[in-house]
Amino acid sequence: MPQLDVTTFAPQIVWLAITFLAMYFLMAKVALPRIAQVLDERQTRIDDNLEKAAALKAEAEAAAAAYESSLAQARSKAQEEVKAVLDAANAEQAKKQDELSAKLNKELDAAEARIAQAKDKALANIKEVAGDVAKATVDKLSGVSVDDAAVQAAVAKAMEQN
């Protein structure tokens, strides 16, 4: 193998140094700056994208907060409106109930008056009927005819005892 020949070591070392230096300068001056530039551009693009993402996230959070705020206001307003409608309905119901109660009380008073009138009339009729029955009973049982004033007095006395 020619690489292991000791007589050719000096030229091989010289060419090794020349090639190494050429590759070193080529890499240092051409390839590595381009790689560094590509890496810097990539890092700049990543940083810009991260900044945009942070800005969009902050914007989304602000929009979500505004949405939640408007939703809470809408709920509050809806609850107030429902409460107002319920209060109005309750007031209307109470008013109608009062009107109905007054009407029923009026009808109840009228019915009680009719009942009292019918009771008085019935009691008056009872006295008259009781007098007629008592007169007829005395007449049939004893055969004696009793005058109306005596019968009415006896019926009134009997009714007062009960």
Protein backbone atom coordinates (compact mmCIF):
# COMPACT_ATOMS: atom_id res chain seq x y z
CA MET A 1 0.00 0.00 0.00
CA PRO A 2 1.43 3.26 -1.08
CA GLN A 3 0.03 5.24 1.85
CA LEU A 4 2.17 3.29 4.27
CA ASP A 5 5.38 3.85 2.34
CA VAL A 6 7.66 5.92 4.61
CA THR A 7 9.34 7.69 1.73
CA THR A 8 6.08 9.32 0.64
CA PHE A 9 5.06 10.52 4.13
CA ALA A 10 6.41 14.06 3.68
CA PRO A 11 4.49 14.85 0.49
CA GLN A 12 1.38 13.21 1.95
CA ILE A 13 1.62 15.35 5.09
CA VAL A 14 2.11 18.50 2.97
CA TRP A 15 -0.89 17.67 0.81
CA LEU A 16 -2.86 16.76 3.93
CA ALA A 17 -2.10 20.17 5.45
CA ILE A 18 -2.92 21.98 2.18
CA THR A 19 -6.19 20.08 1.77
CA PHE A 20 -7.09 20.54 5.43
CA LEU A 21 -6.40 24.29 5.27
CA ALA A 22 -8.33 24.62 1.99
CA MET A 23 -11.29 22.71 3.42
CA TYR A 24 -11.07 24.70 6.64
CA PHE A 25 -11.13 28.06 4.83
CA LEU A 26 -13.81 26.83 2.43
CA MET A 27 -15.96 25.70 5.33
CA ALA A 28 -15.21 28.79 7.45
CA LYS A 29 -15.80 31.32 4.67
CA VAL A 30 -18.54 29.71 2.53
CA ALA A 31 -20.44 26.80 4.04
CA LEU A 32 -20.61 27.69 7.74
CA PRO A 33 -21.75 31.31 7.19
CA ARG A 34 -24.54 30.04 4.94
CA ILE A 35 -25.54 27.43 7.51
CA ALA A 36 -25.41 30.09 10.26
CA GLN A 37 -27.51 32.42 8.08
CA VAL A 38 -30.11 29.70 7.45
CA LEU A 39 -30.20 28.87 11.18
CA ASP A 40 -30.55 32.59 12.08
CA GLU A 41 -33.35 33.03 9.53
CA ARG A 42 -35.08 29.93 10.85
CA GLN A 43 -34.75 31.13 14.46
CA THR A 44 -36.02 34.60 13.47
CA ARG A 45 -39.00 33.03 11.69
CA ILE A 46 -39.74 30.81 14.73
CA ASP A 47 -39.49 33.81 17.08
CA ASP A 48 -41.80 35.86 14.83
CA ASN A 49 -44.29 33.00 14.71
CA LEU A 50 -44.15 32.65 18.50
CA GLU A 51 -44.74 36.39 18.90
CA LYS A 52 -47.67 36.24 16.47
CA ALA A 53 -49.07 33.22 18.31
CA ALA A 54 -48.76 35.06 21.65
CA ALA A 55 -50.47 38.12 20.17
CA LEU A 56 -53.25 35.99 18.69
CA LYS A 57 -53.63 34.15 22.01
CA ALA A 58 -53.92 37.46 23.87
CA GLU A 59 -56.45 38.66 21.29
CA ALA A 60 -58.44 35.43 21.62
CA GLU A 61 -58.39 35.72 25.42
CA ALA A 62 -59.60 39.32 25.18
CA ALA A 63 -62.37 38.25 22.79
CA ALA A 64 -63.34 35.42 25.12
CA ALA A 65 -63.40 37.80 28.09
CA ALA A 66 -65.54 40.26 26.11
CA TYR A 67 -67.85 37.41 25.10
CA GLU A 68 -68.18 36.21 28.69
CA SER A 69 -68.83 39.76 29.85
CA SER A 70 -71.52 40.37 27.23
CA LEU A 71 -73.03 36.94 27.98
CA ALA A 72 -73.15 37.76 31.70
CA GLN A 73 -74.76 41.14 30.93
CA ALA A 74 -77.31 39.47 28.64
CA ARG A 75 -78.14 36.90 31.31
CA SER A 76 -78.48 39.60 33.93
CA LYS A 77 -80.72 41.66 31.66
CA ALA A 78 -82.82 38.59 30.81
CA GLN A 79 -83.21 37.76 34.50
CA GLU A 80 -84.27 41.34 35.23
CA GLU A 81 -86.81 41.23 32.41
CA VAL A 82 -88.16 37.87 33.57
CA LYS A 83 -88.41 39.23 37.12
CA ALA A 84 -90.25 42.30 35.85
CA VAL A 85 -92.67 40.15 33.84
CA LEU A 86 -93.23 37.85 36.81
CA ASP A 87 -93.81 40.81 39.12
CA ALA A 88 -96.29 42.31 36.64
CA ALA A 89 -98.04 38.95 36.27
CA ASN A 90 -98.17 38.50 40.05
CA ALA A 91 -99.56 42.01 40.48
CA GLU A 92 -102.18 41.37 37.80
CA GLN A 93 -103.06 38.05 39.42
CA ALA A 94 -103.36 39.67 42.85
CA LYS A 95 -105.57 42.39 41.36
CA LYS A 96 -107.82 39.83 39.65
CA GLN A 97 -107.91 37.71 42.79
CA ASP A 98 -108.94 40.76 44.84
CA GLU A 99 -111.63 41.58 42.28
CA LEU A 100 -112.86 37.98 42.31
CA SER A 101 -112.78 37.90 46.10
CA ALA A 102 -114.81 41.12 46.26
CA LYS A 103 -117.28 39.76 43.71
CA LEU A 104 -117.60 36.47 45.60
CA ASN A 105 -118.05 38.31 48.91
CA LYS A 106 -120.76 40.43 47.31
CA GLU A 107 -122.49 37.32 45.95
CA LEU A 108 -122.05 35.59 49.32
CA ASP A 109 -123.64 38.55 51.11
CA ALA A 110 -126.51 38.53 48.62
CA ALA A 111 -126.94 34.76 49.08
CA GLU A 112 -126.88 35.14 52.87
CA ALA A 113 -129.50 37.87 52.59
CA ARG A 114 -131.67 35.60 50.42
CA ILE A 115 -131.19 32.74 52.87
CA ALA A 116 -132.11 34.97 55.81
CA GLN A 117 -135.16 36.23 53.93
CA ALA A 118 -136.17 32.66 53.06
CA LYS A 119 -135.60 31.62 56.68
CA ASP A 120 -137.74 34.47 57.97
CA LYS A 121 -140.42 33.64 55.44
CA ALA A 122 -140.18 29.94 56.35
CA LEU A 123 -140.42 30.75 60.06
CA ALA A 124 -143.43 32.93 59.40
CA ASN A 125 -144.97 30.14 57.37
CA ILE A 126 -144.08 27.64 60.09
CA LYS A 127 -146.00 29.69 62.66
CA GLU A 128 -148.98 29.88 60.36
CA VAL A 129 -148.78 26.20 59.37
CA ALA A 130 -148.17 25.17 62.98
CA GLY A 131 -151.22 27.20 64.01
CA ASP A 132 -153.34 25.58 61.30
CA VAL A 133 -152.10 22.08 62.23
CA ALA A 134 -152.64 22.69 65.94
CA LYS A 135 -156.16 24.05 65.31
CA ALA A 136 -156.98 21.11 63.04
CA THR A 137 -155.51 18.61 65.52
CA VAL A 138 -157.43 20.05 68.48
CA ASP A 139 -160.58 20.16 66.40
CA LYS A 140 -160.22 16.54 65.27
CA LEU A 141 -159.10 15.13 68.58
CA SER A 142 -161.41 16.97 70.91
CA GLY A 143 -164.06 18.16 68.56
CA VAL A 144 -163.75 21.61 70.09
CA SER A 145 -163.31 24.60 67.82
CA VAL A 146 -160.51 26.94 69.04
CA ASP A 147 -160.22 30.55 67.96
CA ASP A 148 -157.23 31.67 65.89
CA ALA A 149 -155.79 34.09 68.48
CA ALA A 150 -155.51 31.37 71.14
CA VAL A 151 -153.88 28.99 68.67
CA GLN A 152 -151.35 31.63 67.58
CA ALA A 153 -150.52 32.47 71.21
CA ALA A 154 -149.97 28.78 72.03
CA VAL A 155 -147.75 28.29 68.96
CA ALA A 156 -145.68 31.41 69.78
CA LYS A 157 -145.24 30.19 73.37
CA ALA A 158 -144.16 26.73 72.18
CA MET A 159 -141.66 28.21 69.70
CA GLU A 160 -140.13 30.42 72.37
CA GLN A 161 -139.49 27.42 74.61
CA ASN A 162 -137.52 25.62 71.87
